[in-house]
Amino acid sequence: MCWATGSPRRATAIETAVDTHLTLCAPHGWHPVVANFSPSGQTLLRVRFAHLTTSRANNVAKVLLERGWSLDEDGDGSSHRMRAGTDATDIAFEMLAVATASGAPADERTLHGGP
């Protein structure tokens, strides 16, 4: 996993008044985790199931529900709103826990972000 210097983060969104996002990438057949940061300090974590097999999507959804995540209305993903003021370390550990839901690939994951 690559934590790039200058990656978009919650503080950047607040300081610049621009929404930013950070994607924890995943190998083919696995689920990436996206963090959306708003200028108000809110953080929304998201996982989409569209590219997963039905079996893997069901397994990931089960783990996310057990962690307190909500299934999206379209049933094609799940999201979790972190409380304003949540420590950045808690956000990072939640992303890592979700990235390894239903097993973890041996491949390296990278981070990508932008406004």
N, C-alpha and C. Protein backbone atom coordinates (compact mmCIF):
# COMPACT_ATOMS: atom_id res chain seq x y z
N MET A 1 0.84 -1.17 0.00
CA MET A 1 0.00 0.00 0.00
C MET A 1 0.88 1.23 0.00
N CYS A 2 0.48 2.24 -0.73
CA CYS A 2 1.28 3.46 -0.85
C CYS A 2 0.54 4.65 -0.28
N TRP A 3 1.05 5.23 0.80
CA TRP A 3 0.47 6.44 1.36
C TRP A 3 1.26 7.60 0.80
N ALA A 4 0.76 8.21 -0.27
CA ALA A 4 1.49 9.27 -0.97
C ALA A 4 1.46 10.58 -0.18
N THR A 5 2.59 11.27 -0.17
CA THR A 5 2.67 12.58 0.46
C THR A 5 1.77 13.53 -0.31
N GLY A 6 1.01 14.35 0.40
CA GLY A 6 0.12 15.30 -0.25
C GLY A 6 -1.18 14.70 -0.72
N SER A 7 -1.50 13.48 -0.30
CA SER A 7 -2.76 12.86 -0.67
C SER A 7 -3.92 13.70 -0.18
N PRO A 8 -5.02 13.77 -0.93
CA PRO A 8 -6.19 14.49 -0.45
C PRO A 8 -6.62 13.92 0.89
N ARG A 9 -7.02 14.79 1.77
CA ARG A 9 -7.42 14.37 3.10
C ARG A 9 -8.48 15.32 3.61
N ARG A 10 -9.05 15.00 4.73
CA ARG A 10 -10.13 15.79 5.30
C ARG A 10 -9.68 17.23 5.54
N ALA A 11 -8.48 17.43 6.08
CA ALA A 11 -7.99 18.79 6.35
C ALA A 11 -7.90 19.60 5.05
N THR A 12 -7.50 18.94 3.95
CA THR A 12 -7.42 19.64 2.67
C THR A 12 -8.80 20.11 2.24
N ALA A 13 -9.80 19.25 2.40
CA ALA A 13 -11.17 19.63 2.03
C ALA A 13 -11.65 20.82 2.85
N ILE A 14 -11.36 20.81 4.13
CA ILE A 14 -11.79 21.90 5.02
C ILE A 14 -11.05 23.19 4.67
N GLU A 15 -9.73 23.11 4.49
CA GLU A 15 -8.92 24.30 4.22
C GLU A 15 -9.22 24.94 2.88
N THR A 16 -9.53 24.13 1.86
CA THR A 16 -9.74 24.65 0.51
C THR A 16 -11.22 24.80 0.16
N ALA A 17 -12.12 24.33 1.02
CA ALA A 17 -13.57 24.37 0.77
C ALA A 17 -13.94 23.62 -0.51
N VAL A 18 -13.21 22.53 -0.79
CA VAL A 18 -13.46 21.71 -1.97
C VAL A 18 -13.54 20.25 -1.52
N ASP A 19 -14.56 19.52 -2.03
CA ASP A 19 -14.66 18.10 -1.74
C ASP A 19 -13.43 17.38 -2.29
N THR A 20 -12.90 16.42 -1.53
CA THR A 20 -11.79 15.60 -2.00
C THR A 20 -12.13 14.14 -1.75
N HIS A 21 -11.40 13.27 -2.39
CA HIS A 21 -11.62 11.83 -2.19
C HIS A 21 -10.29 11.10 -2.22
N LEU A 22 -10.31 9.93 -1.65
CA LEU A 22 -9.13 9.07 -1.60
C LEU A 22 -9.61 7.65 -1.88
N THR A 23 -8.98 6.98 -2.82
CA THR A 23 -9.37 5.61 -3.16
C THR A 23 -8.26 4.64 -2.78
N LEU A 24 -8.60 3.67 -1.97
CA LEU A 24 -7.69 2.57 -1.64
C LEU A 24 -7.96 1.52 -2.71
N CYS A 25 -7.08 1.44 -3.70
CA CYS A 25 -7.30 0.59 -4.87
C CYS A 25 -7.24 -0.89 -4.51
N ALA A 26 -7.78 -1.70 -5.42
CA ALA A 26 -7.81 -3.15 -5.20
C ALA A 26 -7.51 -3.88 -6.50
N PRO A 27 -6.91 -5.06 -6.38
CA PRO A 27 -6.68 -5.87 -7.58
C PRO A 27 -8.02 -6.28 -8.21
N HIS A 28 -7.97 -6.69 -9.46
CA HIS A 28 -9.18 -7.14 -10.17
C HIS A 28 -9.92 -8.20 -9.35
N GLY A 29 -11.24 -8.05 -9.23
CA GLY A 29 -12.06 -9.02 -8.51
C GLY A 29 -12.20 -8.73 -7.03
N TRP A 30 -11.54 -7.68 -6.54
CA TRP A 30 -11.62 -7.29 -5.14
C TRP A 30 -12.26 -5.92 -5.06
N HIS A 31 -12.57 -5.46 -3.88
CA HIS A 31 -13.29 -4.19 -3.73
C HIS A 31 -12.40 -3.05 -3.25
N PRO A 32 -12.39 -1.94 -4.00
CA PRO A 32 -11.70 -0.75 -3.52
C PRO A 32 -12.54 -0.07 -2.45
N VAL A 33 -11.90 0.76 -1.64
CA VAL A 33 -12.59 1.53 -0.61
C VAL A 33 -12.35 3.01 -0.93
N VAL A 34 -13.42 3.80 -0.96
CA VAL A 34 -13.32 5.21 -1.28
C VAL A 34 -13.72 6.04 -0.06
N ALA A 35 -12.92 7.04 0.25
CA ALA A 35 -13.25 7.99 1.31
C ALA A 35 -13.52 9.33 0.66
N ASN A 36 -14.71 9.89 0.90
CA ASN A 36 -15.07 11.21 0.41
C ASN A 36 -15.01 12.17 1.58
N PHE A 37 -14.30 13.28 1.41
CA PHE A 37 -14.15 14.28 2.47
C PHE A 37 -14.82 15.57 2.02
N SER A 38 -15.68 16.14 2.87
CA SER A 38 -16.37 17.39 2.53
C SER A 38 -15.77 18.55 3.30
N PRO A 39 -15.96 19.77 2.81
CA PRO A 39 -15.45 20.95 3.51
C PRO A 39 -16.04 21.12 4.91
N SER A 40 -17.19 20.50 5.18
CA SER A 40 -17.80 20.59 6.50
C SER A 40 -17.15 19.66 7.51
N GLY A 41 -16.18 18.85 7.06
CA GLY A 41 -15.49 17.93 7.95
C GLY A 41 -16.08 16.53 7.97
N GLN A 42 -17.12 16.29 7.18
CA GLN A 42 -17.74 14.98 7.12
C GLN A 42 -16.90 14.02 6.28
N THR A 43 -16.89 12.76 6.66
CA THR A 43 -16.20 11.72 5.91
C THR A 43 -17.19 10.61 5.61
N LEU A 44 -17.29 10.23 4.34
CA LEU A 44 -18.16 9.15 3.92
C LEU A 44 -17.30 8.09 3.27
N LEU A 45 -17.34 6.87 3.82
CA LEU A 45 -16.61 5.74 3.23
C LEU A 45 -17.57 4.95 2.37
N ARG A 46 -17.09 4.48 1.20
CA ARG A 46 -17.96 3.74 0.29
C ARG A 46 -17.25 2.55 -0.32
N VAL A 47 -18.03 1.50 -0.56
CA VAL A 47 -17.57 0.32 -1.29
C VAL A 47 -18.66 -0.01 -2.31
N ARG A 48 -18.27 -0.28 -3.55
CA ARG A 48 -19.22 -0.68 -4.59
C ARG A 48 -19.01 -2.16 -4.89
N PHE A 49 -20.12 -2.86 -5.20
CA PHE A 49 -20.07 -4.30 -5.44
C PHE A 49 -20.17 -4.66 -6.92
N ALA A 50 -20.38 -3.70 -7.81
CA ALA A 50 -20.70 -3.97 -9.21
C ALA A 50 -19.71 -4.91 -9.90
N HIS A 51 -18.44 -4.80 -9.58
CA HIS A 51 -17.42 -5.60 -10.27
C HIS A 51 -17.09 -6.91 -9.53
N LEU A 52 -17.80 -7.19 -8.44
CA LEU A 52 -17.55 -8.41 -7.67
C LEU A 52 -18.48 -9.53 -8.11
N THR A 53 -18.04 -10.77 -7.93
CA THR A 53 -18.96 -11.88 -8.16
C THR A 53 -20.07 -11.81 -7.12
N THR A 54 -21.18 -12.44 -7.40
CA THR A 54 -22.30 -12.42 -6.46
C THR A 54 -21.89 -12.98 -5.11
N SER A 55 -21.13 -14.06 -5.10
CA SER A 55 -20.69 -14.68 -3.86
C SER A 55 -19.81 -13.72 -3.05
N ARG A 56 -18.83 -13.10 -3.70
CA ARG A 56 -17.93 -12.18 -2.99
C ARG A 56 -18.71 -10.95 -2.51
N ALA A 57 -19.61 -10.43 -3.35
CA ALA A 57 -20.43 -9.27 -2.96
C ALA A 57 -21.26 -9.61 -1.72
N ASN A 58 -21.84 -10.79 -1.67
CA ASN A 58 -22.62 -11.19 -0.50
C ASN A 58 -21.75 -11.29 0.74
N ASN A 59 -20.55 -11.85 0.59
CA ASN A 59 -19.65 -11.97 1.74
C ASN A 59 -19.18 -10.61 2.24
N VAL A 60 -18.82 -9.72 1.32
CA VAL A 60 -18.38 -8.38 1.71
C VAL A 60 -19.53 -7.62 2.36
N ALA A 61 -20.72 -7.70 1.76
CA ALA A 61 -21.89 -7.00 2.33
C ALA A 61 -22.17 -7.47 3.74
N LYS A 62 -22.05 -8.76 4.00
CA LYS A 62 -22.30 -9.31 5.33
C LYS A 62 -21.31 -8.71 6.34
N VAL A 63 -20.04 -8.67 5.98
CA VAL A 63 -19.02 -8.11 6.87
C VAL A 63 -19.28 -6.63 7.14
N LEU A 64 -19.62 -5.88 6.09
CA LEU A 64 -19.86 -4.45 6.24
C LEU A 64 -21.08 -4.19 7.13
N LEU A 65 -22.14 -4.96 6.96
CA LEU A 65 -23.32 -4.80 7.81
C LEU A 65 -22.97 -5.09 9.27
N GLU A 66 -22.15 -6.10 9.50
CA GLU A 66 -21.72 -6.42 10.87
C GLU A 66 -20.88 -5.29 11.48
N ARG A 67 -20.22 -4.49 10.62
CA ARG A 67 -19.41 -3.37 11.09
C ARG A 67 -20.23 -2.09 11.23
N GLY A 68 -21.54 -2.16 10.96
CA GLY A 68 -22.40 -0.99 11.11
C GLY A 68 -22.56 -0.15 9.86
N TRP A 69 -22.14 -0.68 8.71
CA TRP A 69 -22.31 0.03 7.45
C TRP A 69 -23.75 -0.14 6.97
N SER A 70 -24.18 0.71 6.03
CA SER A 70 -25.53 0.65 5.46
C SER A 70 -25.43 0.26 3.99
N LEU A 71 -26.32 -0.64 3.57
CA LEU A 71 -26.37 -0.98 2.15
C LEU A 71 -26.98 0.19 1.39
N ASP A 72 -26.44 0.49 0.20
CA ASP A 72 -26.99 1.55 -0.64
C ASP A 72 -28.37 1.14 -1.14
N GLU A 73 -29.19 2.12 -1.49
CA GLU A 73 -30.54 1.84 -1.95
C GLU A 73 -30.57 0.95 -3.17
N ASP A 74 -29.58 1.08 -4.05
CA ASP A 74 -29.55 0.26 -5.25
C ASP A 74 -29.00 -1.15 -4.99
N GLY A 75 -28.54 -1.40 -3.75
CA GLY A 75 -28.03 -2.72 -3.39
C GLY A 75 -26.69 -3.04 -4.03
N ASP A 76 -26.09 -2.06 -4.69
CA ASP A 76 -24.85 -2.30 -5.41
C ASP A 76 -23.63 -1.76 -4.68
N GLY A 77 -23.79 -1.52 -3.39
CA GLY A 77 -22.68 -1.01 -2.61
C GLY A 77 -23.09 -0.76 -1.17
N SER A 78 -22.17 -0.21 -0.42
CA SER A 78 -22.42 0.08 0.99
C SER A 78 -21.64 1.34 1.37
N SER A 79 -22.15 2.05 2.38
CA SER A 79 -21.47 3.26 2.81
C SER A 79 -21.52 3.39 4.32
N HIS A 80 -20.63 4.23 4.83
CA HIS A 80 -20.54 4.45 6.27
C HIS A 80 -20.12 5.89 6.51
N ARG A 81 -20.97 6.65 7.18
CA ARG A 81 -20.65 8.05 7.49
C ARG A 81 -19.93 8.09 8.83
N MET A 82 -18.73 8.64 8.80
CA MET A 82 -17.96 8.80 10.04
C MET A 82 -18.42 10.09 10.71
N ARG A 83 -18.50 10.10 12.01
CA ARG A 83 -18.92 11.30 12.74
C ARG A 83 -17.91 12.41 12.52
N ALA A 84 -18.41 13.64 12.44
CA ALA A 84 -17.51 14.80 12.32
C ALA A 84 -16.57 14.79 13.52
N GLY A 85 -15.31 15.08 13.28
CA GLY A 85 -14.33 15.09 14.36
C GLY A 85 -13.68 13.74 14.60
N THR A 86 -14.08 12.71 13.84
CA THR A 86 -13.45 11.40 13.99
C THR A 86 -11.96 11.52 13.67
N ASP A 87 -11.14 10.94 14.50
CA ASP A 87 -9.69 10.98 14.32
C ASP A 87 -9.31 10.33 12.99
N ALA A 88 -8.34 10.92 12.29
CA ALA A 88 -7.89 10.40 11.00
C ALA A 88 -7.39 8.96 11.10
N THR A 89 -6.80 8.62 12.23
CA THR A 89 -6.32 7.25 12.42
C THR A 89 -7.48 6.26 12.44
N ASP A 90 -8.59 6.64 13.06
CA ASP A 90 -9.78 5.77 13.08
C ASP A 90 -10.32 5.57 11.66
N ILE A 91 -10.29 6.63 10.86
CA ILE A 91 -10.75 6.52 9.47
C ILE A 91 -9.84 5.57 8.71
N ALA A 92 -8.53 5.72 8.87
CA ALA A 92 -7.57 4.87 8.17
C ALA A 92 -7.73 3.40 8.57
N PHE A 93 -7.91 3.14 9.86
CA PHE A 93 -8.07 1.75 10.31
C PHE A 93 -9.39 1.15 9.83
N GLU A 94 -10.44 1.97 9.74
CA GLU A 94 -11.71 1.47 9.20
C GLU A 94 -11.54 1.12 7.72
N MET A 95 -10.84 1.95 6.98
CA MET A 95 -10.59 1.65 5.57
C MET A 95 -9.79 0.36 5.41
N LEU A 96 -8.77 0.17 6.24
CA LEU A 96 -7.97 -1.05 6.17
C LEU A 96 -8.78 -2.28 6.54
N ALA A 97 -9.61 -2.17 7.57
CA ALA A 97 -10.45 -3.30 7.98
C ALA A 97 -11.41 -3.68 6.87
N VAL A 98 -11.99 -2.69 6.22
CA VAL A 98 -12.96 -2.95 5.16
C VAL A 98 -12.26 -3.48 3.91
N ALA A 99 -11.05 -2.99 3.64
CA ALA A 99 -10.30 -3.46 2.48
C ALA A 99 -10.01 -4.95 2.57
N THR A 100 -9.89 -5.47 3.78
CA THR A 100 -9.58 -6.89 3.95
C THR A 100 -10.82 -7.72 4.27
N ALA A 101 -12.00 -7.11 4.18
CA ALA A 101 -13.25 -7.85 4.43
C ALA A 101 -13.34 -9.02 3.46
N SER A 102 -13.69 -10.17 3.97
CA SER A 102 -13.85 -11.38 3.16
C SER A 102 -12.52 -11.84 2.59
N GLY A 103 -11.43 -11.62 3.32
CA GLY A 103 -10.12 -12.06 2.87
C GLY A 103 -9.37 -10.92 2.21
N ALA A 104 -8.09 -11.10 2.08
CA ALA A 104 -7.26 -10.05 1.47
C ALA A 104 -6.37 -10.65 0.40
N PRO A 105 -6.28 -9.97 -0.75
CA PRO A 105 -5.38 -10.46 -1.81
C PRO A 105 -3.94 -10.22 -1.41
N ALA A 106 -3.05 -10.98 -2.00
CA ALA A 106 -1.63 -10.82 -1.70
C ALA A 106 -1.02 -9.63 -2.44
N ASP A 107 -1.76 -9.10 -3.42
CA ASP A 107 -1.26 -7.96 -4.21
C ASP A 107 -1.13 -6.71 -3.35
N GLU A 108 -0.29 -5.80 -3.81
CA GLU A 108 -0.12 -4.52 -3.15
C GLU A 108 -1.27 -3.60 -3.55
N ARG A 109 -1.76 -2.77 -2.64
CA ARG A 109 -2.81 -1.79 -2.94
C ARG A 109 -2.19 -0.41 -2.95
N THR A 110 -2.73 0.47 -3.79
CA THR A 110 -2.22 1.82 -3.86
C THR A 110 -3.33 2.82 -3.55
N LEU A 111 -2.95 4.05 -3.24
CA LEU A 111 -3.90 5.12 -2.97
C LEU A 111 -3.87 6.12 -4.12
N HIS A 112 -5.06 6.58 -4.51
CA HIS A 112 -5.19 7.62 -5.51
C HIS A 112 -6.21 8.62 -4.99
N GLY A 113 -6.01 9.89 -5.25
CA GLY A 113 -6.96 10.87 -4.77
C GLY A 113 -7.06 12.07 -5.67
N GLY A 114 -8.02 12.91 -5.35
CA GLY A 114 -8.20 14.13 -6.11
C GLY A 114 -9.41 14.90 -5.63
N PRO A 115 -9.57 16.08 -6.18
CA PRO A 115 -10.73 16.89 -5.78
C PRO A 115 -12.02 16.35 -6.37
